[in-house]
C-alpha cells in the first residue's frame, strides 16, 4: 500500500525537478555552460524523465494507459530488421551482464512457469510503456531546448534517449514477438 502512495509521489518530485531543470536552462544561455555541464545535465534530465514513468509503473499497471491495440505487433519482419540493424542484441547482452544476469533479477520477469509467461508479457508492456513515455517526453524537451540553441545538450540527450529508451522499447517488443511465436507453436 505504501508503494501506491510513495512511488507516485516520487514521480511527481521527479517531474518537478525536470521542469525546474528545463526552466533553469530556458533562463540561461547555452554559453553559460561547458561540455561537461551539458553531459551532466543531459544525463540528469533523461534520468529524471525516465524515472517519472518507471517509478509509477512499479506501483500501477501504467501500460493500460495505451490500448491493447498499441501492443499488437503489426509488422514483425520490420521489428526484426530494426532489432538487427540497431544491434539491440548487444544492448541486451549488456543488460544481462550488468543487471539481469543474476537468477533473482531474471525471475522478476520470468520464473519458468506458464503463469510466468503471462507475467513476462505484463512486465514487458510495463517496461515498454515506461520507456515510451520517457522517450516522447525527452524528445519534446529536446525540441524545446533545441529552439533555445542547446545543440550539444540536445545531442547528448538524444544519444542517451536512444540507448536508454528506444533500445528497451524495441527489445520489449522483440521479446513479445518471440513469445507470440512460441505460443503459436505450443497452441
N, C-alpha and C. Protein backbone atom coordinates (compact mmCIF):
# COMPACT_ATOMS: atom_id res chain seq x y z
N UNK A 1 0.82 -1.20 0.00
CA UNK A 1 0.00 0.00 0.00
C UNK A 1 0.86 1.26 0.00
N UNK A 2 1.94 1.22 0.77
CA UNK A 2 2.80 2.40 0.84
C UNK A 2 3.42 2.70 -0.53
N UNK A 3 3.67 1.63 -1.28
CA UNK A 3 4.22 1.76 -2.64
C UNK A 3 3.28 2.57 -3.53
N UNK A 4 1.99 2.37 -3.37
CA UNK A 4 0.98 3.04 -4.21
C UNK A 4 0.93 4.54 -3.95
N UNK A 5 1.42 4.97 -2.80
CA UNK A 5 1.45 6.40 -2.46
C UNK A 5 2.85 6.97 -2.67
N UNK A 6 3.85 6.26 -2.17
CA UNK A 6 5.22 6.75 -2.20
C UNK A 6 5.77 6.86 -3.63
N UNK A 7 5.55 5.85 -4.45
CA UNK A 7 6.12 5.86 -5.79
C UNK A 7 5.55 6.97 -6.67
N UNK A 8 4.22 7.17 -6.71
CA UNK A 8 3.71 8.31 -7.48
C UNK A 8 4.21 9.65 -6.94
N UNK A 9 4.35 9.76 -5.61
CA UNK A 9 4.88 11.00 -5.03
C UNK A 9 6.31 11.24 -5.51
N UNK A 10 7.10 10.18 -5.57
CA UNK A 10 8.46 10.30 -6.08
C UNK A 10 8.45 10.69 -7.56
N UNK A 11 7.51 10.16 -8.31
CA UNK A 11 7.38 10.53 -9.73
C UNK A 11 7.02 12.00 -9.88
N UNK A 12 6.15 12.50 -9.02
CA UNK A 12 5.78 13.93 -9.06
C UNK A 12 7.01 14.78 -8.72
N UNK A 13 7.81 14.32 -7.75
CA UNK A 13 9.04 15.03 -7.42
C UNK A 13 9.98 15.07 -8.62
N UNK A 14 10.13 13.95 -9.32
CA UNK A 14 11.00 13.92 -10.50
C UNK A 14 10.45 14.81 -11.61
N UNK A 15 9.14 14.86 -11.76
CA UNK A 15 8.53 15.77 -12.73
C UNK A 15 8.86 17.21 -12.37
N UNK A 16 8.71 17.55 -11.10
CA UNK A 16 9.04 18.90 -10.62
C UNK A 16 10.51 19.23 -10.91
N UNK A 17 11.41 18.29 -10.60
CA UNK A 17 12.85 18.53 -10.83
C UNK A 17 13.14 18.68 -12.33
N UNK A 18 12.46 17.91 -13.15
CA UNK A 18 12.65 18.01 -14.61
C UNK A 18 12.21 19.38 -15.11
N UNK A 19 11.03 19.81 -14.68
CA UNK A 19 10.53 21.13 -15.10
C UNK A 19 11.45 22.22 -14.59
N UNK A 20 11.90 22.10 -13.35
CA UNK A 20 12.81 23.08 -12.77
C UNK A 20 14.11 23.16 -13.56
N UNK A 21 14.65 22.02 -13.93
CA UNK A 21 15.90 21.99 -14.69
C UNK A 21 15.72 22.62 -16.07
N UNK A 22 14.62 22.31 -16.74
CA UNK A 22 14.36 22.92 -18.05
C UNK A 22 14.17 24.44 -17.89
N UNK A 23 13.49 24.87 -16.84
CA UNK A 23 13.31 26.30 -16.61
C UNK A 23 14.63 27.02 -16.37
N UNK A 24 15.55 26.38 -15.63
CA UNK A 24 16.88 26.95 -15.43
C UNK A 24 17.59 27.11 -16.78
N UNK A 25 17.48 26.10 -17.61
CA UNK A 25 18.10 26.16 -18.94
C UNK A 25 17.47 27.25 -19.79
N UNK A 26 16.16 27.38 -19.72
CA UNK A 26 15.46 28.40 -20.52
C UNK A 26 15.83 29.81 -20.07
N UNK A 27 16.14 29.98 -18.79
CA UNK A 27 16.51 31.29 -18.25
C UNK A 27 17.99 31.59 -18.45
N UNK A 28 18.73 30.62 -18.94
CA UNK A 28 20.17 30.77 -19.15
C UNK A 28 20.46 30.74 -20.64
N UNK A 29 21.71 30.96 -20.96
CA UNK A 29 22.17 30.87 -22.35
C UNK A 29 23.07 29.65 -22.47
N UNK A 30 23.10 29.01 -23.63
CA UNK A 30 23.99 27.86 -23.81
C UNK A 30 25.45 28.18 -23.48
N UNK A 31 25.86 29.43 -23.71
CA UNK A 31 27.25 29.82 -23.44
C UNK A 31 27.57 29.84 -21.95
N UNK A 32 26.56 29.76 -21.09
CA UNK A 32 26.78 29.72 -19.64
C UNK A 32 27.28 28.36 -19.17
N UNK A 33 27.28 27.37 -20.05
CA UNK A 33 27.62 26.01 -19.68
C UNK A 33 28.78 25.49 -20.53
N UNK A 34 29.55 24.57 -19.95
CA UNK A 34 30.60 23.92 -20.74
C UNK A 34 30.13 22.51 -21.13
N UNK A 35 30.94 21.81 -21.89
CA UNK A 35 30.56 20.48 -22.39
C UNK A 35 30.29 19.52 -21.23
N UNK A 36 31.11 19.58 -20.19
CA UNK A 36 30.90 18.72 -19.02
C UNK A 36 29.55 18.99 -18.36
N UNK A 37 29.19 20.27 -18.27
CA UNK A 37 27.88 20.64 -17.72
C UNK A 37 26.77 20.02 -18.56
N UNK A 38 26.92 20.12 -19.88
CA UNK A 38 25.89 19.58 -20.78
C UNK A 38 25.75 18.07 -20.61
N UNK A 39 26.88 17.38 -20.44
CA UNK A 39 26.83 15.92 -20.27
C UNK A 39 26.08 15.57 -18.98
N UNK A 40 26.42 16.28 -17.90
CA UNK A 40 25.77 16.02 -16.61
C UNK A 40 24.28 16.37 -16.66
N UNK A 41 23.96 17.52 -17.21
CA UNK A 41 22.56 17.96 -17.29
C UNK A 41 21.75 17.00 -18.16
N UNK A 42 22.32 16.59 -19.29
CA UNK A 42 21.57 15.67 -20.17
C UNK A 42 21.32 14.34 -19.47
N UNK A 43 22.32 13.85 -18.74
CA UNK A 43 22.15 12.60 -18.00
C UNK A 43 21.06 12.75 -16.94
N UNK A 44 21.13 13.82 -16.16
CA UNK A 44 20.14 14.02 -15.10
C UNK A 44 18.74 14.21 -15.65
N UNK A 45 18.61 15.02 -16.69
CA UNK A 45 17.29 15.27 -17.25
C UNK A 45 16.67 13.98 -17.81
N UNK A 46 17.47 13.20 -18.51
CA UNK A 46 16.97 11.92 -19.04
C UNK A 46 16.63 10.95 -17.91
N UNK A 47 17.46 10.93 -16.88
CA UNK A 47 17.21 10.07 -15.73
C UNK A 47 15.92 10.48 -15.00
N UNK A 48 15.76 11.77 -14.77
CA UNK A 48 14.55 12.26 -14.09
C UNK A 48 13.30 11.92 -14.89
N UNK A 49 13.33 12.21 -16.18
CA UNK A 49 12.14 11.98 -17.01
C UNK A 49 11.82 10.49 -17.12
N UNK A 50 12.84 9.68 -17.31
CA UNK A 50 12.60 8.23 -17.37
C UNK A 50 12.05 7.73 -16.03
N UNK A 51 12.57 8.27 -14.95
CA UNK A 51 12.11 7.89 -13.62
C UNK A 51 10.65 8.22 -13.37
N UNK A 52 10.17 9.32 -13.95
CA UNK A 52 8.76 9.70 -13.80
C UNK A 52 7.86 8.53 -14.19
N UNK A 53 8.17 7.94 -15.32
CA UNK A 53 7.33 6.85 -15.84
C UNK A 53 7.66 5.51 -15.19
N UNK A 54 8.94 5.25 -14.99
CA UNK A 54 9.35 3.95 -14.46
C UNK A 54 8.85 3.74 -13.04
N UNK A 55 9.02 4.73 -12.21
CA UNK A 55 8.66 4.56 -10.80
C UNK A 55 7.16 4.39 -10.61
N UNK A 56 6.37 5.16 -11.34
CA UNK A 56 4.92 4.97 -11.26
C UNK A 56 4.54 3.57 -11.74
N UNK A 57 5.25 3.07 -12.75
CA UNK A 57 4.99 1.74 -13.28
C UNK A 57 5.30 0.62 -12.31
N UNK A 58 6.11 0.90 -11.28
CA UNK A 58 6.38 -0.11 -10.26
C UNK A 58 5.19 -0.27 -9.31
N UNK A 59 4.30 0.72 -9.29
CA UNK A 59 3.17 0.68 -8.36
C UNK A 59 1.83 0.44 -9.05
N UNK A 60 1.72 0.84 -10.31
CA UNK A 60 0.43 0.76 -11.02
C UNK A 60 0.63 0.16 -12.41
N UNK A 61 -0.41 -0.47 -12.96
CA UNK A 61 -0.33 -1.02 -14.33
C UNK A 61 -0.45 0.10 -15.37
N UNK A 62 0.61 0.88 -15.49
CA UNK A 62 0.59 2.06 -16.36
C UNK A 62 0.45 1.70 -17.84
N UNK A 63 0.81 0.48 -18.20
CA UNK A 63 0.72 0.11 -19.62
C UNK A 63 -0.72 0.17 -20.13
N UNK A 64 -1.68 0.13 -19.21
CA UNK A 64 -3.09 0.15 -19.61
C UNK A 64 -3.53 1.53 -20.09
N UNK A 65 -2.68 2.54 -19.92
CA UNK A 65 -3.00 3.87 -20.44
C UNK A 65 -3.12 3.81 -21.96
N UNK A 66 -2.30 2.97 -22.57
CA UNK A 66 -2.40 2.74 -24.02
C UNK A 66 -3.32 1.55 -24.27
N UNK A 67 -3.99 1.57 -25.39
CA UNK A 67 -4.90 0.47 -25.72
C UNK A 67 -4.12 -0.80 -26.04
N UNK A 68 -4.78 -1.93 -25.93
CA UNK A 68 -4.13 -3.20 -26.25
C UNK A 68 -3.70 -3.24 -27.71
N UNK A 69 -4.36 -2.46 -28.54
CA UNK A 69 -4.03 -2.39 -29.97
C UNK A 69 -2.58 -1.92 -30.17
N UNK A 70 -2.14 -0.98 -29.31
CA UNK A 70 -0.77 -0.48 -29.42
C UNK A 70 0.24 -1.62 -29.26
N UNK A 71 -0.03 -2.54 -28.36
CA UNK A 71 0.93 -3.60 -28.05
C UNK A 71 0.91 -4.75 -29.06
N UNK A 72 -0.05 -4.74 -29.98
CA UNK A 72 -0.07 -5.77 -31.03
C UNK A 72 1.08 -5.50 -32.00
N UNK A 73 1.75 -6.56 -32.38
CA UNK A 73 2.87 -6.43 -33.31
C UNK A 73 2.33 -6.51 -34.73
N UNK A 74 2.34 -5.37 -35.40
CA UNK A 74 1.72 -5.28 -36.72
C UNK A 74 2.65 -5.67 -37.87
N UNK A 75 3.93 -5.45 -37.69
CA UNK A 75 4.89 -5.76 -38.75
C UNK A 75 6.12 -6.44 -38.14
N UNK A 76 6.01 -7.73 -37.83
CA UNK A 76 7.11 -8.43 -37.17
C UNK A 76 8.42 -8.42 -37.96
N UNK A 77 8.32 -8.50 -39.28
CA UNK A 77 9.55 -8.51 -40.09
C UNK A 77 10.30 -7.19 -39.95
N UNK A 78 9.57 -6.09 -39.91
CA UNK A 78 10.20 -4.78 -39.73
C UNK A 78 10.85 -4.68 -38.35
N UNK A 79 10.18 -5.22 -37.35
CA UNK A 79 10.74 -5.23 -36.00
C UNK A 79 12.05 -6.02 -35.96
N UNK A 80 12.07 -7.17 -36.59
CA UNK A 80 13.28 -8.00 -36.62
C UNK A 80 14.41 -7.27 -37.34
N UNK A 81 14.09 -6.64 -38.47
CA UNK A 81 15.12 -5.88 -39.21
C UNK A 81 15.66 -4.73 -38.37
N UNK A 82 14.78 -4.02 -37.69
CA UNK A 82 15.20 -2.90 -36.84
C UNK A 82 16.06 -3.41 -35.69
N UNK A 83 15.64 -4.49 -35.07
CA UNK A 83 16.38 -5.11 -33.97
C UNK A 83 17.80 -5.45 -34.42
N UNK A 84 17.91 -6.04 -35.58
CA UNK A 84 19.24 -6.44 -36.09
C UNK A 84 20.06 -5.23 -36.54
N UNK A 85 19.42 -4.29 -37.24
CA UNK A 85 20.13 -3.12 -37.76
C UNK A 85 20.73 -2.29 -36.62
N UNK A 86 19.97 -2.13 -35.55
CA UNK A 86 20.44 -1.32 -34.41
C UNK A 86 21.29 -2.13 -33.42
N UNK A 87 21.50 -3.41 -33.73
CA UNK A 87 22.29 -4.29 -32.85
C UNK A 87 21.75 -4.29 -31.42
N UNK A 88 20.45 -4.41 -31.29
CA UNK A 88 19.82 -4.42 -29.97
C UNK A 88 20.29 -5.63 -29.17
N UNK A 89 20.74 -6.67 -29.86
CA UNK A 89 21.25 -7.85 -29.17
C UNK A 89 22.45 -7.50 -28.29
N UNK A 90 23.29 -6.58 -28.76
CA UNK A 90 24.44 -6.14 -27.96
C UNK A 90 23.95 -5.43 -26.71
N UNK A 91 22.93 -4.59 -26.88
CA UNK A 91 22.32 -3.90 -25.74
C UNK A 91 21.77 -4.92 -24.75
N UNK A 92 21.09 -5.94 -25.27
CA UNK A 92 20.52 -6.99 -24.42
C UNK A 92 21.61 -7.72 -23.64
N UNK A 93 22.71 -8.03 -24.30
CA UNK A 93 23.82 -8.71 -23.62
C UNK A 93 24.41 -7.83 -22.52
N UNK A 94 24.47 -6.53 -22.79
CA UNK A 94 24.94 -5.59 -21.77
C UNK A 94 24.02 -5.57 -20.56
N UNK A 95 22.72 -5.56 -20.81
CA UNK A 95 21.75 -5.61 -19.70
C UNK A 95 21.91 -6.89 -18.89
N UNK A 96 22.09 -7.99 -19.59
CA UNK A 96 22.25 -9.28 -18.90
C UNK A 96 23.52 -9.27 -18.05
N UNK A 97 24.58 -8.70 -18.56
CA UNK A 97 25.84 -8.68 -17.83
C UNK A 97 25.79 -7.75 -16.62
N UNK A 98 25.13 -6.61 -16.79
CA UNK A 98 25.15 -5.59 -15.74
C UNK A 98 24.02 -5.75 -14.73
N UNK A 99 22.81 -6.03 -15.20
CA UNK A 99 21.67 -6.00 -14.29
C UNK A 99 20.89 -7.31 -14.21
N UNK A 100 20.52 -7.85 -15.34
CA UNK A 100 19.62 -9.01 -15.34
C UNK A 100 20.36 -10.34 -15.28
N UNK A 101 21.66 -10.31 -15.05
CA UNK A 101 22.45 -11.53 -15.07
C UNK A 101 22.16 -12.51 -13.95
N UNK A 102 21.75 -12.01 -12.79
CA UNK A 102 21.50 -12.93 -11.67
C UNK A 102 20.13 -13.59 -11.83
N UNK A 103 20.03 -14.81 -11.33
CA UNK A 103 18.76 -15.54 -11.42
C UNK A 103 17.64 -14.79 -10.70
N UNK A 104 17.98 -14.19 -9.57
CA UNK A 104 16.98 -13.47 -8.77
C UNK A 104 16.36 -12.34 -9.60
N UNK A 105 17.18 -11.59 -10.29
CA UNK A 105 16.67 -10.49 -11.12
C UNK A 105 15.86 -11.00 -12.30
N UNK A 106 16.33 -12.07 -12.92
CA UNK A 106 15.60 -12.63 -14.08
C UNK A 106 14.24 -13.17 -13.67
N UNK A 107 14.15 -13.72 -12.47
CA UNK A 107 12.88 -14.31 -12.01
C UNK A 107 11.81 -13.25 -11.79
N UNK A 108 12.20 -11.99 -11.65
CA UNK A 108 11.20 -10.92 -11.55
C UNK A 108 10.40 -10.83 -12.84
N UNK A 109 11.05 -11.18 -13.95
CA UNK A 109 10.38 -11.14 -15.25
C UNK A 109 9.78 -12.49 -15.61
N UNK A 110 10.55 -13.54 -15.43
CA UNK A 110 10.07 -14.86 -15.85
C UNK A 110 10.61 -15.93 -14.92
N UNK A 111 9.70 -16.70 -14.33
CA UNK A 111 10.11 -17.73 -13.37
C UNK A 111 10.10 -19.14 -13.94
N UNK A 112 9.87 -19.27 -15.24
CA UNK A 112 9.91 -20.58 -15.87
C UNK A 112 8.59 -21.31 -15.93
N UNK A 113 7.53 -20.73 -15.38
CA UNK A 113 6.22 -21.39 -15.39
C UNK A 113 5.33 -20.80 -16.48
N UNK A 114 4.20 -21.46 -16.70
CA UNK A 114 3.23 -20.96 -17.67
C UNK A 114 2.69 -19.59 -17.23
N UNK A 115 2.39 -19.47 -15.92
CA UNK A 115 1.96 -18.17 -15.38
C UNK A 115 3.08 -17.14 -15.52
N UNK A 116 4.29 -17.63 -15.47
CA UNK A 116 5.44 -16.74 -15.63
C UNK A 116 5.47 -16.08 -17.00
N UNK A 117 4.95 -16.76 -18.01
CA UNK A 117 4.88 -16.17 -19.35
C UNK A 117 3.94 -14.98 -19.34
N UNK A 118 2.79 -15.13 -18.68
CA UNK A 118 1.85 -14.00 -18.57
C UNK A 118 2.48 -12.84 -17.82
N UNK A 119 3.22 -13.15 -16.75
CA UNK A 119 3.91 -12.10 -16.00
C UNK A 119 4.97 -11.43 -16.88
N UNK A 120 5.67 -12.23 -17.66
CA UNK A 120 6.70 -11.69 -18.56
C UNK A 120 6.07 -10.72 -19.56
N UNK A 121 4.94 -11.09 -20.13
CA UNK A 121 4.24 -10.22 -21.08
C UNK A 121 3.81 -8.93 -20.38
N UNK A 122 3.25 -9.07 -19.18
CA UNK A 122 2.84 -7.90 -18.39
C UNK A 122 4.04 -6.98 -18.13
N UNK A 123 5.13 -7.57 -17.65
CA UNK A 123 6.32 -6.78 -17.33
C UNK A 123 6.90 -6.12 -18.58
N UNK A 124 6.85 -6.81 -19.71
CA UNK A 124 7.39 -6.22 -20.93
C UNK A 124 6.54 -5.03 -21.38
N UNK A 125 5.23 -5.13 -21.20
CA UNK A 125 4.36 -4.00 -21.55
C UNK A 125 4.58 -2.83 -20.59
N UNK A 126 4.73 -3.14 -19.31
CA UNK A 126 5.01 -2.09 -18.33
C UNK A 126 6.31 -1.38 -18.68
N UNK A 127 7.33 -2.16 -18.96
CA UNK A 127 8.63 -1.60 -19.30
C UNK A 127 8.56 -0.78 -20.58
N UNK A 128 7.89 -1.33 -21.58
CA UNK A 128 7.78 -0.61 -22.85
C UNK A 128 7.05 0.71 -22.67
N UNK A 129 5.94 0.70 -21.92
CA UNK A 129 5.20 1.95 -21.71
C UNK A 129 6.07 2.98 -21.00
N UNK A 130 6.77 2.55 -19.95
CA UNK A 130 7.63 3.48 -19.22
C UNK A 130 8.69 4.10 -20.10
N UNK A 131 9.30 3.29 -20.93
CA UNK A 131 10.34 3.81 -21.83
C UNK A 131 9.74 4.64 -22.96
N UNK A 132 8.56 4.27 -23.43
CA UNK A 132 7.91 5.04 -24.49
C UNK A 132 7.52 6.43 -23.99
N UNK A 133 6.91 6.49 -22.80
CA UNK A 133 6.54 7.79 -22.23
C UNK A 133 7.76 8.67 -22.06
N UNK A 134 8.83 8.09 -21.52
CA UNK A 134 10.07 8.84 -21.32
C UNK A 134 10.67 9.28 -22.66
N UNK A 135 10.67 8.37 -23.63
CA UNK A 135 11.23 8.69 -24.95
C UNK A 135 10.53 9.91 -25.55
N UNK A 136 9.21 9.91 -25.50
CA UNK A 136 8.43 11.01 -26.09
C UNK A 136 8.66 12.31 -25.32
N UNK A 137 8.64 12.25 -23.99
CA UNK A 137 8.81 13.47 -23.20
C UNK A 137 10.23 14.04 -23.35
N UNK A 138 11.22 13.19 -23.43
CA UNK A 138 12.59 13.66 -23.66
C UNK A 138 12.70 14.26 -25.05
N UNK A 139 12.05 13.66 -26.02
CA UNK A 139 12.05 14.20 -27.39
C UNK A 139 11.42 15.59 -27.42
N UNK A 140 10.29 15.76 -26.75
CA UNK A 140 9.64 17.07 -26.69
C UNK A 140 10.55 18.08 -26.00
N UNK A 141 11.15 17.68 -24.88
CA UNK A 141 12.08 18.56 -24.17
C UNK A 141 13.26 18.94 -25.06
N UNK A 142 13.72 17.99 -25.84
CA UNK A 142 14.84 18.25 -26.75
C UNK A 142 14.49 19.31 -27.78
N UNK A 143 13.29 19.24 -28.34
CA UNK A 143 12.87 20.25 -29.31
C UNK A 143 12.80 21.64 -28.67
N UNK A 144 12.28 21.70 -27.45
CA UNK A 144 12.20 22.97 -26.73
C UNK A 144 13.61 23.54 -26.51
N UNK A 145 14.52 22.69 -26.07
CA UNK A 145 15.88 23.13 -25.80
C UNK A 145 16.65 23.43 -27.09
N UNK A 146 16.36 22.70 -28.13
CA UNK A 146 17.00 22.96 -29.42
C UNK A 146 16.63 24.34 -29.93
N UNK A 147 15.39 24.73 -29.73
CA UNK A 147 14.93 26.07 -30.15
C UNK A 147 15.66 27.17 -29.38
N UNK A 148 16.21 26.83 -28.21
CA UNK A 148 16.97 27.80 -27.41
C UNK A 148 18.47 27.75 -27.71
N UNK A 149 18.86 26.89 -28.64
CA UNK A 149 20.27 26.82 -29.06
C UNK A 149 21.13 25.84 -28.28
N UNK A 150 20.54 24.94 -27.54
CA UNK A 150 21.29 23.96 -26.76
C UNK A 150 21.64 22.74 -27.61
N UNK A 151 22.47 22.94 -28.62
CA UNK A 151 22.78 21.87 -29.58
C UNK A 151 23.54 20.71 -28.95
N UNK A 152 24.58 21.02 -28.18
CA UNK A 152 25.38 19.95 -27.57
C UNK A 152 24.54 19.18 -26.54
N UNK A 153 23.78 19.90 -25.75
CA UNK A 153 22.91 19.27 -24.76
C UNK A 153 21.91 18.33 -25.43
N UNK A 154 21.29 18.81 -26.49
CA UNK A 154 20.29 18.00 -27.19
C UNK A 154 20.93 16.78 -27.86
N UNK A 155 22.13 16.96 -28.40
CA UNK A 155 22.83 15.81 -29.00
C UNK A 155 23.09 14.74 -27.93
N UNK A 156 23.52 15.16 -26.76
CA UNK A 156 23.78 14.23 -25.67
C UNK A 156 22.48 13.58 -25.18
N UNK A 157 21.43 14.38 -25.04
CA UNK A 157 20.13 13.84 -24.62
C UNK A 157 19.60 12.84 -25.63
N UNK A 158 19.79 13.13 -26.91
CA UNK A 158 19.31 12.23 -27.96
C UNK A 158 20.03 10.89 -27.89
N UNK A 159 21.34 10.93 -27.69
CA UNK A 159 22.12 9.70 -27.56
C UNK A 159 21.62 8.88 -26.37
N UNK A 160 21.48 9.54 -25.23
CA UNK A 160 21.01 8.85 -24.02
C UNK A 160 19.59 8.31 -24.23
N UNK A 161 18.74 9.10 -24.88
CA UNK A 161 17.36 8.70 -25.11
C UNK A 161 17.27 7.47 -26.02
N UNK A 162 18.12 7.42 -27.02
CA UNK A 162 18.12 6.26 -27.92
C UNK A 162 18.56 5.00 -27.18
N UNK A 163 19.67 5.10 -26.46
CA UNK A 163 20.18 3.94 -25.72
C UNK A 163 19.28 3.59 -24.53
N UNK A 164 18.85 4.60 -23.80
CA UNK A 164 18.11 4.37 -22.57
C UNK A 164 16.63 4.11 -22.72
N UNK A 165 16.05 4.51 -23.87
CA UNK A 165 14.60 4.34 -24.03
C UNK A 165 14.19 3.66 -25.34
N UNK A 166 14.78 4.06 -26.46
CA UNK A 166 14.39 3.44 -27.73
C UNK A 166 14.81 1.97 -27.78
N UNK A 167 16.06 1.68 -27.40
CA UNK A 167 16.52 0.29 -27.42
C UNK A 167 15.65 -0.60 -26.52
N UNK A 168 15.33 -0.17 -25.29
CA UNK A 168 14.44 -1.02 -24.47
C UNK A 168 13.05 -1.22 -25.08
N UNK A 169 12.52 -0.22 -25.76
CA UNK A 169 11.21 -0.37 -26.41
C UNK A 169 11.30 -1.48 -27.46
N UNK A 170 12.32 -1.40 -28.29
CA UNK A 170 12.49 -2.41 -29.35
C UNK A 170 12.71 -3.79 -28.72
N UNK A 171 13.51 -3.85 -27.67
CA UNK A 171 13.78 -5.12 -27.00
C UNK A 171 12.50 -5.74 -26.43
N UNK A 172 11.67 -4.94 -25.79
CA UNK A 172 10.43 -5.47 -25.22
C UNK A 172 9.48 -5.98 -26.30
N UNK A 173 9.39 -5.25 -27.38
CA UNK A 173 8.53 -5.69 -28.49
C UNK A 173 9.07 -7.00 -29.08
N UNK A 174 10.39 -7.08 -29.18
CA UNK A 174 11.03 -8.29 -29.71
C UNK A 174 10.76 -9.48 -28.79
N UNK A 175 10.83 -9.26 -27.48
CA UNK A 175 10.50 -10.33 -26.52
C UNK A 175 9.09 -10.86 -26.77
N UNK A 176 8.14 -9.94 -26.91
CA UNK A 176 6.75 -10.37 -27.11
C UNK A 176 6.57 -11.07 -28.45
N UNK A 177 7.33 -10.67 -29.45
CA UNK A 177 7.28 -11.35 -30.74
C UNK A 177 7.72 -12.81 -30.57
N UNK A 178 8.79 -13.02 -29.85
CA UNK A 178 9.29 -14.37 -29.63
C UNK A 178 8.30 -15.20 -28.82
N UNK A 179 7.67 -14.59 -27.82
CA UNK A 179 6.66 -15.30 -27.02
C UNK A 179 5.46 -15.65 -27.89
N UNK A 180 5.07 -14.73 -28.75
CA UNK A 180 3.94 -14.97 -29.66
C UNK A 180 4.23 -16.17 -30.56
N UNK A 181 5.46 -16.25 -31.07
CA UNK A 181 5.83 -17.40 -31.92
C UNK A 181 5.78 -18.70 -31.13
N UNK A 182 6.27 -18.68 -29.90
CA UNK A 182 6.23 -19.87 -29.04
C UNK A 182 4.79 -20.27 -28.73
N UNK A 183 3.96 -19.29 -28.46
CA UNK A 183 2.55 -19.56 -28.14
C UNK A 183 1.85 -20.24 -29.31
N UNK A 184 2.14 -19.79 -30.52
CA UNK A 184 1.54 -20.41 -31.71
C UNK A 184 2.06 -21.83 -31.89
N UNK A 185 3.33 -22.04 -31.57
CA UNK A 185 3.94 -23.35 -31.71
C UNK A 185 3.31 -24.36 -30.74
N UNK A 186 3.06 -23.91 -29.49
CA UNK A 186 2.54 -24.81 -28.47
C UNK A 186 1.02 -24.83 -28.40
N UNK A 187 0.35 -24.00 -29.18
CA UNK A 187 -1.12 -23.94 -29.13
C UNK A 187 -1.77 -25.13 -29.81
